Amino acid sequence: MADEKISQGAAITGANVANGDLFPIIDISEADADKNKNITRNELKIAVAVPPLTVQEADRATDLALTTTWADAVSLSLVAGTWLVLGQTSIEGTSTTQMNVAARLRNTTDSVTYSTGEGENDSALPDRCQIMLHAVIVLAGTKSVALQGWAQASTAHMIGPGNLGSETGTKVTRITAIQLA
């Protein structure tokens, strides 16, 4: 076998590889050709393993009255890395006037907005707007990222733990972050 090329070895399927089987490693950092190494199947699995996903979530516990100033509904503290951030909220009108509302995902540490959504309803009560937001963000350090709400006038609020018909108890204002890298 010492004089056989790797490409001349017998074919084998992945299901038939034993934990102790060896895989050749061509160590290009070594100057001498005789410094090649090997690794077992178990060690190879460790070397190429994908780490488990880190997921964080926060739900709004109570309703939040909206005004013409952006307000944090829910927020997360995210460490450095690449994140997929998802935000969802249901905003309900509180009067018979037209409702113009918005929500956004914002890095409140650095004042950077990643995603914004708007909603508008006529005057029939109860008016509701569902706003869904998403963004892939890259953070250089630990930052606070919030789902924020805004209304053109004090005629709306973001719904907290929920009471939307038969959906009692459903979290309708939530931020979720999944660390990708």
Protein backbone atom coordinates (compact mmCIF):
# COMPACT_ATOMS: atom_id res chain seq x y z
CA MET A 1 0.00 0.00 0.00
CA ALA A 2 2.96 2.33 0.56
CA ASP A 3 3.54 2.69 -3.18
CA GLU A 4 -0.16 3.03 -4.05
CA LYS A 5 -1.60 6.43 -4.95
CA ILE A 6 -4.56 7.66 -2.91
CA SER A 7 -6.65 7.71 -6.10
CA GLN A 8 -5.91 3.99 -6.62
CA GLY A 9 -7.57 2.92 -3.33
CA ALA A 10 -10.82 0.94 -3.33
CA ALA A 11 -14.02 3.00 -3.27
CA ILE A 12 -16.11 2.95 -0.08
CA THR A 13 -19.40 4.61 0.87
CA GLY A 14 -19.76 6.97 3.80
CA ALA A 15 -22.01 4.47 5.61
CA ASN A 16 -19.19 1.89 5.53
CA VAL A 17 -16.48 4.11 7.04
CA ALA A 18 -15.52 2.91 10.54
CA ASN A 19 -14.72 5.31 13.39
CA GLY A 20 -11.08 4.20 13.44
CA ASP A 21 -10.53 4.47 9.66
CA LEU A 22 -7.79 6.92 8.72
CA PHE A 23 -7.92 9.80 6.25
CA PRO A 24 -4.66 11.17 4.82
CA ILE A 25 -3.70 14.76 5.57
CA ILE A 26 -1.29 16.49 3.20
CA ASP A 27 0.42 18.97 5.52
CA ILE A 28 1.41 21.85 3.26
CA SER A 29 2.98 23.73 6.18
CA GLU A 30 5.82 21.20 6.36
CA ALA A 31 8.85 21.57 4.08
CA ASP A 32 9.46 17.83 3.78
CA ALA A 33 7.15 15.55 1.82
CA ASP A 34 7.49 12.82 4.45
CA LYS A 35 5.60 14.90 7.04
CA ASN A 36 2.15 13.87 5.83
CA LYS A 37 -0.28 12.88 8.56
CA ASN A 38 -3.59 11.10 9.05
CA ILE A 39 -6.78 11.64 11.02
CA THR A 40 -9.47 9.23 12.20
CA ARG A 41 -13.10 9.52 11.16
CA ASN A 42 -14.08 10.65 14.68
CA GLU A 43 -11.41 13.38 14.74
CA LEU A 44 -12.43 14.51 11.24
CA LYS A 45 -16.06 14.88 12.40
CA ILE A 46 -14.86 17.13 15.23
CA ALA A 47 -12.68 19.18 12.86
CA VAL A 48 -15.51 19.94 10.43
CA ALA A 49 -18.43 20.03 12.87
CA VAL A 50 -20.89 22.90 12.54
CA PRO A 51 -21.52 24.50 15.93
CA PRO A 52 -25.13 24.55 17.15
CA LEU A 53 -27.14 27.68 16.38
CA THR A 54 -27.44 30.38 19.02
CA VAL A 55 -31.02 31.67 19.20
CA GLN A 56 -32.31 34.52 21.36
CA GLU A 57 -35.91 35.71 21.68
CA ALA A 58 -37.81 38.38 23.55
CA ASP A 59 -41.57 38.93 23.74
CA ARG A 60 -43.49 42.04 24.73
CA ALA A 61 -45.13 41.37 28.11
CA THR A 62 -47.66 44.24 28.05
CA ASP A 63 -49.23 46.56 25.51
CA LEU A 64 -47.17 49.61 24.54
CA ALA A 65 -48.89 52.92 23.74
CA LEU A 66 -47.24 54.42 20.66
CA THR A 67 -46.50 58.10 20.09
CA THR A 68 -44.64 60.15 17.51
CA THR A 69 -41.37 59.16 19.26
CA TRP A 70 -39.85 55.75 18.48
CA ALA A 71 -40.21 53.40 21.48
CA ASP A 72 -38.51 50.09 22.24
CA ALA A 73 -41.04 47.28 22.35
CA VAL A 74 -38.51 44.46 22.89
CA SER A 75 -34.73 44.24 22.65
CA LEU A 76 -31.86 41.78 22.75
CA SER A 77 -28.18 42.09 23.62
CA LEU A 78 -26.27 40.42 20.76
CA VAL A 79 -22.56 39.55 20.79
CA ALA A 80 -20.20 40.08 17.86
CA GLY A 81 -21.04 37.98 14.82
CA THR A 82 -23.46 37.64 11.92
CA TRP A 83 -27.14 37.46 12.92
CA LEU A 84 -30.48 36.91 11.23
CA VAL A 85 -32.88 39.15 13.16
CA LEU A 86 -36.65 38.75 12.82
CA GLY A 87 -39.26 41.09 14.27
CA GLN A 88 -43.03 40.86 14.30
CA THR A 89 -45.71 43.00 15.85
CA SER A 90 -49.41 43.58 15.69
CA ILE A 91 -50.42 47.21 16.13
CA GLU A 92 -54.00 48.05 17.06
CA GLY A 93 -55.80 51.37 16.66
CA THR A 94 -57.30 52.93 19.78
CA SER A 95 -59.61 55.51 18.19
CA THR A 96 -61.81 56.02 15.15
CA THR A 97 -59.20 58.10 13.32
CA GLN A 98 -56.95 56.76 10.57
CA MET A 99 -53.95 54.85 11.88
CA ASN A 100 -50.45 55.40 10.41
CA VAL A 101 -47.86 53.32 12.20
CA ALA A 102 -44.35 51.91 11.70
CA ALA A 103 -41.96 49.42 13.23
CA ARG A 104 -38.22 48.99 12.79
CA LEU A 105 -35.27 46.83 13.80
CA ARG A 106 -32.61 49.14 15.20
CA ASN A 107 -29.17 48.87 16.76
CA THR A 108 -29.82 51.23 19.67
CA THR A 109 -26.18 51.16 20.75
CA ASP A 110 -24.96 52.74 17.51
CA SER A 111 -28.23 54.30 16.21
CA VAL A 112 -28.32 52.14 13.06
CA THR A 113 -31.64 51.09 11.50
CA TYR A 114 -31.62 47.71 9.71
CA SER A 115 -35.24 47.30 8.58
CA THR A 116 -38.44 49.37 8.63
CA GLY A 117 -42.08 48.53 7.91
CA GLU A 118 -45.20 50.70 7.80
CA GLY A 119 -48.91 50.15 8.15
CA GLU A 120 -52.05 52.20 7.59
CA ASN A 121 -55.70 51.47 8.30
CA ASP A 122 -58.90 53.42 7.95
CA SER A 123 -61.11 54.41 10.86
CA ALA A 124 -63.08 51.21 11.49
CA LEU A 125 -62.36 49.75 14.92
CA PRO A 126 -60.64 47.57 15.83
CA ASP A 127 -57.96 48.35 13.26
CA ARG A 128 -54.88 46.13 13.30
CA CYS A 129 -51.68 46.17 11.28
CA GLN A 130 -49.32 43.24 11.25
CA ILE A 131 -45.71 44.24 10.52
CA MET A 132 -42.98 41.64 9.91
CA LEU A 133 -39.32 42.66 9.66
CA HIS A 134 -36.05 40.87 8.98
CA ALA A 135 -32.39 41.74 8.50
CA VAL A 136 -29.02 40.01 8.33
CA ILE A 137 -26.62 42.10 10.39
CA VAL A 138 -22.91 41.92 11.19
CA LEU A 139 -21.87 43.19 14.61
CA ALA A 140 -18.28 44.01 15.57
CA GLY A 141 -19.04 43.89 19.30
CA THR A 142 -21.91 43.43 21.74
CA LYS A 143 -24.86 45.64 20.74
CA SER A 144 -28.46 46.18 21.81
CA VAL A 145 -30.90 45.52 18.95
CA ALA A 146 -34.53 46.53 19.42
CA LEU A 147 -37.90 46.16 17.74
CA GLN A 148 -39.32 49.67 17.95
CA GLY A 149 -42.72 51.18 17.23
CA TRP A 150 -44.01 54.58 16.16
CA ALA A 151 -47.41 56.15 15.42
CA GLN A 152 -48.32 59.33 13.55
CA ALA A 153 -50.52 60.28 16.51
CA SER A 154 -51.27 58.75 19.90
CA THR A 155 -53.96 56.52 18.44
CA ALA A 156 -52.31 53.10 18.41
CA HIS A 157 -50.47 50.59 20.53
CA MET A 158 -48.29 47.53 19.97
CA ILE A 159 -49.93 44.43 21.30
CA GLY A 160 -48.13 42.49 24.00
CA PRO A 161 -48.90 38.89 24.98
CA GLY A 162 -51.92 38.88 22.71
CA ASN A 163 -55.64 38.50 22.77
CA LEU A 164 -56.43 38.30 19.07
CA GLY A 165 -59.68 36.36 18.98
CA SER A 166 -58.91 32.67 19.50
CA GLU A 167 -55.14 33.36 19.70
CA THR A 168 -55.19 34.17 23.42
CA GLY A 169 -51.71 33.92 24.83
CA THR A 170 -49.98 34.15 21.45
CA LYS A 171 -46.93 36.39 21.52
CA VAL A 172 -47.63 38.98 18.85
CA THR A 173 -44.74 41.38 19.49
CA ARG A 174 -41.48 39.44 19.34
CA ILE A 175 -37.86 39.77 18.29
CA THR A 176 -35.82 36.68 17.40
CA ALA A 177 -32.09 36.57 16.57
CA ILE A 178 -30.25 33.55 15.13
CA GLN A 179 -26.45 33.71 15.09
CA LEU A 180 -25.17 32.56 11.69
CA ALA A 181 -21.44 33.08 12.25
